[in-house]
Amino acid sequence: MSGKDGRWVIWPAYIDAEKSRSQGRAVSKRDAVEKPTVDEILVAALQMGLKAEVEKDKHYPKEWWEKPGRVLISKKGPKTALVKEIAVRIKRRRG
């Protein structure tokens, strides 16, 4: 959750329906999606008109043994609202 450079860090775990809140899910189960990817997060952020950058070889701190990657997104509003909107857009895009 870096705030020093004007960008939010968004991990796939934040919107993963298979994760619990203690494992890092930041949205409700209803809004979460199964196995989100950094590419899906990137597309959703770009659709929202945000500057976004993918870092594929990053480890999620709570699951350091995996490398799901992360997305750095320009700050625009509260992080929780941003994460929820990304999840909703991914869900809508999947159909």
PDB file of N, CA and C in Angstrom:
ATOM      1  N   MET A   1       0.832  -1.193   0.000  1.00  0.00           N
ATOM      2  CA  MET A   1       0.000   0.000   0.000  1.00  0.00           C
ATOM      3  C   MET A   1       0.871   1.249   0.000  1.00  0.00           C
ATOM      4  N   SER A   2       1.729   1.299  -0.940  1.00  0.00           N
ATOM      5  CA  SER A   2       2.627   2.440  -1.024  1.00  0.00           C
ATOM      6  C   SER A   2       1.864   3.707  -1.364  1.00  0.00           C
ATOM      7  N   GLY A   3       2.097   4.737  -0.589  1.00  0.00           N
ATOM      8  CA  GLY A   3       1.447   5.994  -0.862  1.00  0.00           C
ATOM      9  C   GLY A   3       2.460   7.081  -1.159  1.00  0.00           C
ATOM     10  N   LYS A   4       3.730   6.724  -1.104  1.00  0.00           N
ATOM     11  CA  LYS A   4       4.787   7.702  -1.237  1.00  0.00           C
ATOM     12  C   LYS A   4       4.968   8.203  -2.658  1.00  0.00           C
ATOM     13  N   ASP A   5       4.709   7.381  -3.632  1.00  0.00           N
ATOM     14  CA  ASP A   5       4.937   7.792  -5.008  1.00  0.00           C
ATOM     15  C   ASP A   5       3.645   8.136  -5.751  1.00  0.00           C
ATOM     16  N   GLY A   6       2.564   8.263  -5.030  1.00  0.00           N
ATOM     17  CA  GLY A   6       1.305   8.658  -5.654  1.00  0.00           C
ATOM     18  C   GLY A   6       0.565   7.534  -6.344  1.00  0.00           C
ATOM     19  N   ARG A   7       0.914   6.281  -6.006  1.00  0.00           N
ATOM     20  CA  ARG A   7       0.237   5.136  -6.618  1.00  0.00           C
ATOM     21  C   ARG A   7      -0.208   4.140  -5.551  1.00  0.00           C
ATOM     22  N   TRP A   8      -1.313   3.467  -5.837  1.00  0.00           N
ATOM     23  CA  TRP A   8      -1.776   2.379  -4.975  1.00  0.00           C
ATOM     24  C   TRP A   8      -1.200   1.076  -5.508  1.00  0.00           C
ATOM     25  N   VAL A   9      -0.904   0.151  -4.610  1.00  0.00           N
ATOM     26  CA  VAL A   9      -0.508  -1.202  -4.989  1.00  0.00           C
ATOM     27  C   VAL A   9      -1.750  -2.073  -4.893  1.00  0.00           C
ATOM     28  N   ILE A  10      -2.096  -2.731  -5.993  1.00  0.00           N
ATOM     29  CA  ILE A  10      -3.267  -3.614  -6.026  1.00  0.00           C
ATOM     30  C   ILE A  10      -2.780  -5.041  -6.288  1.00  0.00           C
ATOM     31  N   TRP A  11      -3.022  -5.907  -5.327  1.00  0.00           N
ATOM     32  CA  TRP A  11      -2.663  -7.328  -5.451  1.00  0.00           C
ATOM     33  C   TRP A  11      -3.911  -8.100  -5.875  1.00  0.00           C
ATOM     34  N   PRO A  12      -3.767  -9.144  -6.681  1.00  0.00           N
ATOM     35  CA  PRO A  12      -4.923  -9.978  -7.050  1.00  0.00           C
ATOM     36  C   PRO A  12      -5.673 -10.537  -5.835  1.00  0.00           C
ATOM     37  N   ALA A  13      -4.972 -10.797  -4.747  1.00  0.00           N
ATOM     38  CA  ALA A  13      -5.612 -11.338  -3.538  1.00  0.00           C
ATOM     39  C   ALA A  13      -6.701 -10.416  -3.002  1.00  0.00           C
ATOM     40  N   TYR A  14      -6.600  -9.118  -3.274  1.00  0.00           N
ATOM     41  CA  TYR A  14      -7.592  -8.161  -2.779  1.00  0.00           C
ATOM     42  C   TYR A  14      -8.990  -8.458  -3.312  1.00  0.00           C
ATOM     43  N   ILE A  15      -9.076  -9.067  -4.488  1.00  0.00           N
ATOM     44  CA  ILE A  15     -10.390  -9.300  -5.100  1.00  0.00           C
ATOM     45  C   ILE A  15     -10.651 -10.786  -5.382  1.00  0.00           C
ATOM     46  N   ASP A  16      -9.830 -11.663  -4.831  1.00  0.00           N
ATOM     47  CA  ASP A  16      -9.931 -13.099  -5.081  1.00  0.00           C
ATOM     48  C   ASP A  16     -11.000 -13.740  -4.191  1.00  0.00           C
ATOM     49  N   ALA A  17     -12.003 -14.327  -4.808  1.00  0.00           N
ATOM     50  CA  ALA A  17     -13.113 -14.951  -4.080  1.00  0.00           C
ATOM     51  C   ALA A  17     -12.660 -16.163  -3.272  1.00  0.00           C
ATOM     52  N   GLU A  18     -11.541 -16.745  -3.633  1.00  0.00           N
ATOM     53  CA  GLU A  18     -11.046 -17.921  -2.928  1.00  0.00           C
ATOM     54  C   GLU A  18     -10.267 -17.567  -1.664  1.00  0.00           C
ATOM     55  N   LYS A  19     -10.020 -16.286  -1.433  1.00  0.00           N
ATOM     56  CA  LYS A  19      -9.288 -15.834  -0.256  1.00  0.00           C
ATOM     57  C   LYS A  19     -10.259 -15.358   0.818  1.00  0.00           C
ATOM     58  N   SER A  20      -9.841 -15.495   2.063  1.00  0.00           N
ATOM     59  CA  SER A  20     -10.618 -14.949   3.176  1.00  0.00           C
ATOM     60  C   SER A  20     -10.137 -13.525   3.442  1.00  0.00           C
ATOM     61  N   ARG A  21     -10.838 -12.825   4.290  1.00  0.00           N
ATOM     62  CA  ARG A  21     -10.395 -11.473   4.654  1.00  0.00           C
ATOM     63  C   ARG A  21      -9.007 -11.513   5.285  1.00  0.00           C
ATOM     64  N   SER A  22      -8.752 -12.515   6.129  1.00  0.00           N
ATOM     65  CA  SER A  22      -7.450 -12.600   6.780  1.00  0.00           C
ATOM     66  C   SER A  22      -6.335 -12.960   5.794  1.00  0.00           C
ATOM     67  N   GLN A  23      -6.697 -13.532   4.664  1.00  0.00           N
ATOM     68  CA  GLN A  23      -5.714 -13.842   3.624  1.00  0.00           C
ATOM     69  C   GLN A  23      -5.513 -12.667   2.668  1.00  0.00           C
ATOM     70  N   GLY A  24      -6.261 -11.600   2.874  1.00  0.00           N
ATOM     71  CA  GLY A  24      -6.021 -10.394   2.093  1.00  0.00           C
ATOM     72  C   GLY A  24      -7.165  -9.883   1.237  1.00  0.00           C
ATOM     73  N   ARG A  25      -8.281 -10.624   1.179  1.00  0.00           N
ATOM     74  CA  ARG A  25      -9.395 -10.141   0.363  1.00  0.00           C
ATOM     75  C   ARG A  25      -9.919  -8.841   0.952  1.00  0.00           C
ATOM     76  N   ALA A  26     -10.101  -7.836   0.090  1.00  0.00           N
ATOM     77  CA  ALA A  26     -10.513  -6.514   0.556  1.00  0.00           C
ATOM     78  C   ALA A  26     -11.935  -6.151   0.153  1.00  0.00           C
ATOM     79  N   VAL A  27     -12.565  -6.985  -0.656  1.00  0.00           N
ATOM     80  CA  VAL A  27     -13.949  -6.727  -1.082  1.00  0.00           C
ATOM     81  C   VAL A  27     -14.847  -7.837  -0.554  1.00  0.00           C
ATOM     82  N   SER A  28     -16.146  -7.617  -0.612  1.00  0.00           N
ATOM     83  CA  SER A  28     -17.077  -8.637  -0.147  1.00  0.00           C
ATOM     84  C   SER A  28     -17.025  -9.859  -1.059  1.00  0.00           C
ATOM     85  N   LYS A  29     -17.460 -10.989  -0.561  1.00  0.00           N
ATOM     86  CA  LYS A  29     -17.509 -12.215  -1.361  1.00  0.00           C
ATOM     87  C   LYS A  29     -18.350 -12.005  -2.619  1.00  0.00           C
ATOM     88  N   ARG A  30     -19.418 -11.236  -2.479  1.00  0.00           N
ATOM     89  CA  ARG A  30     -20.325 -10.967  -3.591  1.00  0.00           C
ATOM     90  C   ARG A  30     -19.618 -10.225  -4.727  1.00  0.00           C
ATOM     91  N   ASP A  31     -18.704  -9.328  -4.375  1.00  0.00           N
ATOM     92  CA  ASP A  31     -17.997  -8.546  -5.385  1.00  0.00           C
ATOM     93  C   ASP A  31     -16.718  -9.215  -5.878  1.00  0.00           C
ATOM     94  N   ALA A  32     -16.222 -10.192  -5.153  1.00  0.00           N
ATOM     95  CA  ALA A  32     -14.955 -10.838  -5.498  1.00  0.00           C
ATOM     96  C   ALA A  32     -15.094 -11.727  -6.733  1.00  0.00           C
ATOM     97  N   VAL A  33     -13.958 -11.989  -7.372  1.00  0.00           N
ATOM     98  CA  VAL A  33     -13.918 -12.847  -8.560  1.00  0.00           C
ATOM     99  C   VAL A  33     -12.948 -13.998  -8.314  1.00  0.00           C
ATOM    100  N   GLU A  34     -13.148 -15.093  -9.026  1.00  0.00           N
ATOM    101  CA  GLU A  34     -12.275 -16.251  -8.858  1.00  0.00           C
ATOM    102  C   GLU A  34     -11.000 -16.078  -9.660  1.00  0.00           C
ATOM    103  N   LYS A  35      -9.886 -16.286  -9.008  1.00  0.00           N
ATOM    104  CA  LYS A  35      -8.560 -16.265  -9.616  1.00  0.00           C
ATOM    105  C   LYS A  35      -8.325 -15.075 -10.544  1.00  0.00           C
ATOM    106  N   PRO A  36      -8.407 -13.863 -10.023  1.00  0.00           N
ATOM    107  CA  PRO A  36      -8.129 -12.700 -10.865  1.00  0.00           C
ATOM    108  C   PRO A  36      -6.644 -12.639 -11.232  1.00  0.00           C
ATOM    109  N   THR A  37      -6.346 -12.056 -12.369  1.00  0.00           N
ATOM    110  CA  THR A  37      -4.956 -11.917 -12.800  1.00  0.00           C
ATOM    111  C   THR A  37      -4.568 -10.446 -12.830  1.00  0.00           C
ATOM    112  N   VAL A  38      -3.269 -10.204 -12.846  1.00  0.00           N
ATOM    113  CA  VAL A  38      -2.807  -8.819 -12.928  1.00  0.00           C
ATOM    114  C   VAL A  38      -3.196  -8.199 -14.262  1.00  0.00           C
ATOM    115  N   ASP A  39      -3.286  -9.019 -15.304  1.00  0.00           N
ATOM    116  CA  ASP A  39      -3.693  -8.495 -16.608  1.00  0.00           C
ATOM    117  C   ASP A  39      -5.144  -8.014 -16.586  1.00  0.00           C
ATOM    118  N   GLU A  40      -6.018  -8.748 -15.903  1.00  0.00           N
ATOM    119  CA  GLU A  40      -7.417  -8.322 -15.776  1.00  0.00           C
ATOM    120  C   GLU A  40      -7.517  -7.037 -14.957  1.00  0.00           C
ATOM    121  N   ILE A  41      -6.718  -6.943 -13.910  1.00  0.00           N
ATOM    122  CA  ILE A  41      -6.711  -5.737 -13.084  1.00  0.00           C
ATOM    123  C   ILE A  41      -6.218  -4.554 -13.908  1.00  0.00           C
ATOM    124  N   LEU A  42      -5.186  -4.769 -14.702  1.00  0.00           N
ATOM    125  CA  LEU A  42      -4.652  -3.721 -15.563  1.00  0.00           C
ATOM    126  C   LEU A  42      -5.704  -3.218 -16.543  1.00  0.00           C
ATOM    127  N   VAL A  43      -6.397  -4.121 -17.214  1.00  0.00           N
ATOM    128  CA  VAL A  43      -7.431  -3.737 -18.184  1.00  0.00           C
ATOM    129  C   VAL A  43      -8.532  -2.938 -17.498  1.00  0.00           C
ATOM    130  N   ALA A  44      -8.977  -3.394 -16.330  1.00  0.00           N
ATOM    131  CA  ALA A  44     -10.031  -2.681 -15.601  1.00  0.00           C
ATOM    132  C   ALA A  44      -9.578  -1.276 -15.221  1.00  0.00           C
ATOM    133  N   ALA A  45      -8.344  -1.149 -14.754  1.00  0.00           N
ATOM    134  CA  ALA A  45      -7.818   0.160 -14.365  1.00  0.00           C
ATOM    135  C   ALA A  45      -7.730   1.090 -15.571  1.00  0.00           C
ATOM    136  N   LEU A  46      -7.279   0.566 -16.694  1.00  0.00           N
ATOM    137  CA  LEU A  46      -7.181   1.384 -17.903  1.00  0.00           C
ATOM    138  C   LEU A  46      -8.560   1.811 -18.390  1.00  0.00           C
ATOM    139  N   GLN A  47      -9.554   0.931 -18.269  1.00  0.00           N
ATOM    140  CA  GLN A  47     -10.925   1.277 -18.637  1.00  0.00           C
ATOM    141  C   GLN A  47     -11.457   2.402 -17.758  1.00  0.00           C
ATOM    142  N   MET A  48     -10.953   2.482 -16.539  1.00  0.00           N
ATOM    143  CA  MET A  48     -11.379   3.525 -15.608  1.00  0.00           C
ATOM    144  C   MET A  48     -10.630   4.836 -15.858  1.00  0.00           C
ATOM    145  N   GLY A  49      -9.722   4.817 -16.818  1.00  0.00           N
ATOM    146  CA  GLY A  49      -8.965   6.018 -17.144  1.00  0.00           C
ATOM    147  C   GLY A  49      -7.795   6.290 -16.217  1.00  0.00           C
ATOM    148  N   LEU A  50      -7.312   5.250 -15.556  1.00  0.00           N
ATOM    149  CA  LEU A  50      -6.210   5.402 -14.611  1.00  0.00           C
ATOM    150  C   LEU A  50      -4.895   4.973 -15.249  1.00  0.00           C
ATOM    151  N   LYS A  51      -3.811   5.558 -14.797  1.00  0.00           N
ATOM    152  CA  LYS A  51      -2.485   5.116 -15.222  1.00  0.00           C
ATOM    153  C   LYS A  51      -2.159   3.881 -14.401  1.00  0.00           C
ATOM    154  N   ALA A  52      -1.734   2.823 -15.067  1.00  0.00           N
ATOM    155  CA  ALA A  52      -1.459   1.569 -14.366  1.00  0.00           C
ATOM    156  C   ALA A  52      -0.228   0.899 -14.954  1.00  0.00           C
ATOM    157  N   GLU A  53       0.464   0.163 -14.094  1.00  0.00           N
ATOM    158  CA  GLU A  53       1.676  -0.534 -14.500  1.00  0.00           C
ATOM    159  C   GLU A  53       1.709  -1.888 -13.793  1.00  0.00           C
ATOM    160  N   VAL A  54       2.015  -2.943 -14.540  1.00  0.00           N
ATOM    161  CA  VAL A  54       2.082  -4.292 -13.980  1.00  0.00           C
ATOM    162  C   VAL A  54       3.517  -4.621 -13.595  1.00  0.00           C
ATOM    163  N   GLU A  55       3.668  -5.235 -12.434  1.00  0.00           N
ATOM    164  CA  GLU A  55       4.937  -5.806 -11.996  1.00  0.00           C
ATOM    165  C   GLU A  55       4.676  -7.297 -11.763  1.00  0.00           C
ATOM    166  N   LYS A  56       5.045  -8.113 -12.744  1.00  0.00           N
ATOM    167  CA  LYS A  56       4.670  -9.532 -12.732  1.00  0.00           C
ATOM    168  C   LYS A  56       5.426 -10.395 -11.729  1.00  0.00           C
ATOM    169  N   ASP A  57       6.650 -10.078 -11.410  1.00  0.00           N
ATOM    170  CA  ASP A  57       7.459 -10.952 -10.557  1.00  0.00           C
ATOM    171  C   ASP A  57       7.483 -10.544  -9.094  1.00  0.00           C
ATOM    172  N   LYS A  58       6.404  -9.995  -8.605  1.00  0.00           N
ATOM    173  CA  LYS A  58       6.347  -9.580  -7.206  1.00  0.00           C
ATOM    174  C   LYS A  58       5.613 -10.624  -6.376  1.00  0.00           C
ATOM    175  N   HIS A  59       6.087 -10.796  -5.145  1.00  0.00           N
ATOM    176  CA  HIS A  59       5.487 -11.746  -4.199  1.00  0.00           C
ATOM    177  C   HIS A  59       4.478 -11.017  -3.332  1.00  0.00           C
ATOM    178  N   TYR A  60       3.293 -11.604  -3.174  1.00  0.00           N
ATOM    179  CA  TYR A  60       2.325 -11.060  -2.224  1.00  0.00           C
ATOM    180  C   TYR A  60       2.851 -11.385  -0.827  1.00  0.00           C
ATOM    181  N   PRO A  61       3.003 -10.403   0.057  1.00  0.00           N
ATOM    182  CA  PRO A  61       3.634 -10.643   1.360  1.00  0.00           C
ATOM    183  C   PRO A  61       3.019 -11.778   2.186  1.00  0.00           C
ATOM    184  N   LYS A  62       1.706 -11.956   2.132  1.00  0.00           N
ATOM    185  CA  LYS A  62       1.081 -13.013   2.935  1.00  0.00           C
ATOM    186  C   LYS A  62       1.278 -14.390   2.316  1.00  0.00           C
ATOM    187  N   GLU A  63       1.660 -14.450   1.063  1.00  0.00           N
ATOM    188  CA  GLU A  63       1.943 -15.713   0.380  1.00  0.00           C
ATOM    189  C   GLU A  63       3.252 -15.533  -0.381  1.00  0.00           C
ATOM    190  N   TRP A  64       4.329 -15.363   0.357  1.00  0.00           N
ATOM    191  CA  TRP A  64       5.621 -15.028  -0.211  1.00  0.00           C
ATOM    192  C   TRP A  64       6.151 -16.083  -1.176  1.00  0.00           C
ATOM    193  N   TRP A  65       5.652 -17.304  -1.111  1.00  0.00           N
ATOM    194  CA  TRP A  65       6.137 -18.394  -1.960  1.00  0.00           C
ATOM    195  C   TRP A  65       5.532 -18.345  -3.374  1.00  0.00           C
ATOM    196  N   GLU A  66       4.508 -17.507  -3.575  1.00  0.00           N
ATOM    197  CA  GLU A  66       3.889 -17.360  -4.890  1.00  0.00           C
ATOM    198  C   GLU A  66       4.226 -15.993  -5.480  1.00  0.00           C
ATOM    199  N   LYS A  67       4.202 -15.906  -6.796  1.00  0.00           N
ATOM    200  CA  LYS A  67       4.462 -14.647  -7.484  1.00  0.00           C
ATOM    201  C   LYS A  67       3.271 -14.267  -8.359  1.00  0.00           C
ATOM    202  N   PRO A  68       2.201 -13.773  -7.757  1.00  0.00           N
ATOM    203  CA  PRO A  68       1.045 -13.402  -8.573  1.00  0.00           C
ATOM    204  C   PRO A  68       1.242 -12.084  -9.305  1.00  0.00           C
ATOM    205  N   GLY A  69       2.245 -11.321  -8.892  1.00  0.00           N
ATOM    206  CA  GLY A  69       2.446  -9.993  -9.455  1.00  0.00           C
ATOM    207  C   GLY A  69       1.540  -8.989  -8.772  1.00  0.00           C
ATOM    208  N   ARG A  70       1.702  -7.727  -9.177  1.00  0.00           N
ATOM    209  CA  ARG A  70       0.873  -6.662  -8.622  1.00  0.00           C
ATOM    210  C   ARG A  70       0.711  -5.582  -9.677  1.00  0.00           C
ATOM    211  N   VAL A  71      -0.247  -4.699  -9.426  1.00  0.00           N
ATOM    212  CA  VAL A  71      -0.494  -3.588 -10.341  1.00  0.00           C
ATOM    213  C   VAL A  71      -0.364  -2.291  -9.549  1.00  0.00           C
ATOM    214  N   LEU A  72       0.390  -1.360 -10.086  1.00  0.00           N
ATOM    215  CA  LEU A  72       0.525  -0.037  -9.488  1.00  0.00           C
ATOM    216  C   LEU A  72      -0.416   0.892 -10.235  1.00  0.00           C
ATOM    217  N   ILE A  73      -1.310   1.536  -9.499  1.00  0.00           N
ATOM    218  CA  ILE A  73      -2.345   2.373 -10.104  1.00  0.00           C
ATOM    219  C   ILE A  73      -2.278   3.771  -9.518  1.00  0.00           C
ATOM    220  N   SER A  74      -2.421   4.762 -10.386  1.00  0.00           N
ATOM    221  CA  SER A  74      -2.395   6.146  -9.913  1.00  0.00           C
ATOM    222  C   SER A  74      -3.525   6.367  -8.915  1.00  0.00           C
ATOM    223  N   LYS A  75      -3.226   7.116  -7.879  1.00  0.00           N
ATOM    224  CA  LYS A  75      -4.222   7.380  -6.841  1.00  0.00           C
ATOM    225  C   LYS A  75      -5.330   8.263  -7.389  1.00  0.00           C
ATOM    226  N   LYS A  76      -6.542   7.810  -7.158  1.00  0.00           N
ATOM    227  CA  LYS A  76      -7.713   8.594  -7.533  1.00  0.00           C
ATOM    228  C   LYS A  76      -8.842   8.134  -6.627  1.00  0.00           C
ATOM    229  N   GLY A  77      -9.043   8.828  -5.549  1.00  0.00           N
ATOM    230  CA  GLY A  77     -10.076   8.448  -4.594  1.00  0.00           C
ATOM    231  C   GLY A  77      -9.577   7.411  -3.612  1.00  0.00           C
ATOM    232  N   PRO A  78     -10.493   6.939  -2.756  1.00  0.00           N
ATOM    233  CA  PRO A  78     -10.133   5.950  -1.734  1.00  0.00           C
ATOM    234  C   PRO A  78      -9.774   4.596  -2.352  1.00  0.00           C
ATOM    235  N   LYS A  79      -8.796   3.939  -1.772  1.00  0.00           N
ATOM    236  CA  LYS A  79      -8.332   2.655  -2.298  1.00  0.00           C
ATOM    237  C   LYS A  79      -9.433   1.599  -2.259  1.00  0.00           C
ATOM    238  N   THR A  80     -10.224   1.557  -1.202  1.00  0.00           N
ATOM    239  CA  THR A  80     -11.272   0.538  -1.093  1.00  0.00           C
ATOM    240  C   THR A  80     -12.293   0.669  -2.219  1.00  0.00           C
ATOM    241  N   ALA A  81     -12.671   1.895  -2.551  1.00  0.00           N
ATOM    242  CA  ALA A  81     -13.624   2.109  -3.644  1.00  0.00           C
ATOM    243  C   ALA A  81     -13.008   1.718  -4.981  1.00  0.00           C
ATOM    244  N   LEU A  82     -11.732   2.008  -5.157  1.00  0.00           N
ATOM    245  CA  LEU A  82     -11.026   1.665  -6.379  1.00  0.00           C
ATOM    246  C   LEU A  82     -10.962   0.150  -6.564  1.00  0.00           C
ATOM    247  N   VAL A  83     -10.606  -0.568  -5.507  1.00  0.00           N
ATOM    248  CA  VAL A  83     -10.503  -2.023  -5.569  1.00  0.00           C
ATOM    249  C   VAL A  83     -11.867  -2.640  -5.876  1.00  0.00           C
ATOM    250  N   LYS A  84     -12.920  -2.131  -5.254  1.00  0.00           N
ATOM    251  CA  LYS A  84     -14.262  -2.651  -5.499  1.00  0.00           C
ATOM    252  C   LYS A  84     -14.670  -2.421  -6.956  1.00  0.00           C
ATOM    253  N   GLU A  85     -14.396  -1.246  -7.490  1.00  0.00           N
ATOM    254  CA  GLU A  85     -14.755  -0.949  -8.877  1.00  0.00           C
ATOM    255  C   GLU A  85     -13.982  -1.837  -9.848  1.00  0.00           C
ATOM    256  N   ILE A  86     -12.734  -2.114  -9.549  1.00  0.00           N
ATOM    257  CA  ILE A  86     -11.943  -3.018 -10.389  1.00  0.00           C
ATOM    258  C   ILE A  86     -12.560  -4.409 -10.385  1.00  0.00           C
ATOM    259  N   ALA A  87     -12.936  -4.903  -9.208  1.00  0.00           N
ATOM    260  CA  ALA A  87     -13.555  -6.225  -9.105  1.00  0.00           C
ATOM    261  C   ALA A  87     -14.862  -6.282  -9.881  1.00  0.00           C
ATOM    262  N   VAL A  88     -15.674  -5.249  -9.764  1.00  0.00           N
ATOM    263  CA  VAL A  88     -16.961  -5.207 -10.478  1.00  0.00           C
ATOM    264  C   VAL A  88     -16.731  -5.219 -11.990  1.00  0.00           C
ATOM    265  N   ARG A  89     -15.755  -4.464 -12.456  1.00  0.00           N
ATOM    266  CA  ARG A  89     -15.467  -4.417 -13.894  1.00  0.00           C
ATOM    267  C   ARG A  89     -14.965  -5.762 -14.415  1.00  0.00           C
ATOM    268  N   ILE A  90     -14.135  -6.444 -13.630  1.00  0.00           N
ATOM    269  CA  ILE A  90     -13.641  -7.754 -14.049  1.00  0.00           C
ATOM    270  C   ILE A  90     -14.790  -8.752 -14.116  1.00  0.00           C
ATOM    271  N   LYS A  91     -15.657  -8.707 -13.126  1.00  0.00           N
ATOM    272  CA  LYS A  91     -16.820  -9.601 -13.090  1.00  0.00           C
ATOM    273  C   LYS A  91     -17.719  -9.366 -14.293  1.00  0.00           C
ATOM    274  N   ARG A  92     -17.969  -8.095 -14.593  1.00  0.00           N
ATOM    275  CA  ARG A  92     -18.809  -7.738 -15.730  1.00  0.00           C
ATOM    276  C   ARG A  92     -18.169  -8.194 -17.049  1.00  0.00           C
ATOM    277  N   ARG A  93     -16.874  -8.031 -17.147  1.00  0.00           N
ATOM    278  CA  ARG A  93     -16.172  -8.407 -18.382  1.00  0.00           C
ATOM    279  C   ARG A  93     -16.184  -9.923 -18.597  1.00  0.00           C
ATOM    280  N   ARG A  94     -16.106 -10.674 -17.516  1.00  0.00           N
ATOM    281  CA  ARG A  94     -16.142 -12.134 -17.625  1.00  0.00           C
ATOM    282  C   ARG A  94     -17.530 -12.640 -18.024  1.00  0.00           C
ATOM    283  N   GLY A  95     -18.516 -11.808 -17.784  1.00  0.00           N
ATOM    284  CA  GLY A  95     -19.870 -12.176 -18.189  1.00  0.00           C
ATOM    285  C   GLY A  95     -20.593 -12.850 -17.130  1.00  0.00           C
TER     286      GLY A  95
END
